[in-house]
Amino acid sequence: MTNSKIMFWIDALPNVATTDFIARRDSIADTMAEVQELEKRAGKLREEAYFASLKLEGDAKGVWSVEVVEQAKYRTDF
């Protein structure tokens, strides 16, 4: 999954092939790609949690009145 688009200047260093700099840069790129995937997944999970919380509140309002639910939210400093 290496993405050499970051720190591309590493390739222009003299005799860089004799160092571990390219591998280290590629490792950083892999880590950044993983971060992007995790952020994408976190966004989806956040969205799912948000809609689940709306459903739960709606279900609560189906059991108790809107006024009772709103009072409970107010009392707990929601």
Protein backbone atom coordinates (compact mmCIF):
# COMPACT_ATOMS: atom_id res chain seq x y z
CA MET A 1 0.00 0.00 0.00
CA THR A 2 3.02 2.26 -0.27
CA ASN A 3 2.26 5.75 -1.47
CA SER A 4 5.42 7.65 -2.45
CA LYS A 5 3.52 10.91 -2.97
CA ILE A 6 4.64 12.13 0.44
CA MET A 7 8.14 13.36 1.07
CA PHE A 8 9.01 12.79 -2.59
CA TRP A 9 12.16 14.84 -2.07
CA ILE A 10 13.69 11.81 -0.31
CA ASP A 11 14.22 10.22 -3.73
CA ALA A 12 16.33 13.22 -4.83
CA LEU A 13 18.88 12.88 -2.02
CA PRO A 14 22.34 11.77 -3.14
CA ASN A 15 22.98 8.05 -2.61
CA VAL A 16 19.65 7.67 -0.83
CA ALA A 17 19.39 4.08 -2.10
CA THR A 18 22.21 3.13 0.26
CA THR A 19 20.16 4.25 3.28
CA ASP A 20 16.92 3.15 4.86
CA PHE A 21 15.31 6.54 4.17
CA ILE A 22 13.11 5.29 1.30
CA ALA A 23 11.81 2.39 3.38
CA ARG A 24 11.16 4.70 6.32
CA ARG A 25 9.31 7.17 4.09
CA ASP A 26 7.26 4.32 2.62
CA SER A 27 6.43 3.14 6.13
CA ILE A 28 5.23 6.64 7.01
CA ALA A 29 3.10 6.68 3.86
CA ASP A 30 1.60 3.30 4.81
CA THR A 31 0.81 4.61 8.29
CA MET A 32 -0.86 7.70 6.85
CA ALA A 33 -2.94 5.54 4.50
CA GLU A 34 -4.03 3.46 7.49
CA VAL A 35 -4.95 6.65 9.36
CA GLN A 36 -7.14 7.74 6.45
CA GLU A 37 -8.93 4.39 6.42
CA LEU A 38 -9.49 4.50 10.18
CA GLU A 39 -10.82 8.08 9.95
CA LYS A 40 -13.21 6.98 7.21
CA ARG A 41 -14.41 4.06 9.34
CA ALA A 42 -14.71 6.31 12.41
CA GLY A 43 -16.89 8.70 10.41
CA LYS A 44 -19.20 5.90 9.39
CA LEU A 45 -19.40 4.61 12.97
CA ARG A 46 -20.10 8.13 14.24
CA GLU A 47 -22.92 8.44 11.71
CA GLU A 48 -24.38 5.06 12.73
CA ALA A 49 -24.23 6.01 16.41
CA TYR A 50 -25.91 9.35 15.72
CA PHE A 51 -28.83 7.77 13.89
CA ALA A 52 -29.13 5.03 16.52
CA SER A 53 -29.34 7.72 19.22
CA LEU A 54 -32.10 9.49 17.28
CA LYS A 55 -34.00 6.21 17.00
CA LEU A 56 -33.57 5.52 20.72
CA GLU A 57 -34.88 8.98 21.59
CA GLY A 58 -37.82 8.50 19.25
CA ASP A 59 -38.56 5.12 20.81
CA ALA A 60 -38.40 6.69 24.28
CA LYS A 61 -40.89 9.30 23.15
CA GLY A 62 -43.13 6.44 22.05
CA VAL A 63 -43.11 5.01 25.57
CA TRP A 64 -43.15 8.28 27.51
CA SER A 65 -44.52 11.61 26.40
CA VAL A 66 -42.33 14.10 24.61
CA GLU A 67 -42.65 16.33 27.65
CA VAL A 68 -41.36 13.62 30.03
CA VAL A 69 -38.39 12.87 27.77
CA GLU A 70 -37.57 16.56 27.37
CA GLN A 71 -37.81 17.09 31.12
CA ALA A 72 -35.45 14.17 31.73
CA LYS A 73 -33.00 15.64 29.24
CA TYR A 74 -33.27 19.05 30.90
CA ARG A 75 -32.80 17.64 34.41
CA THR A 76 -29.63 15.85 33.37
CA ASP A 77 -28.29 19.03 31.72
CA PHE A 78 -28.40 17.48 28.26
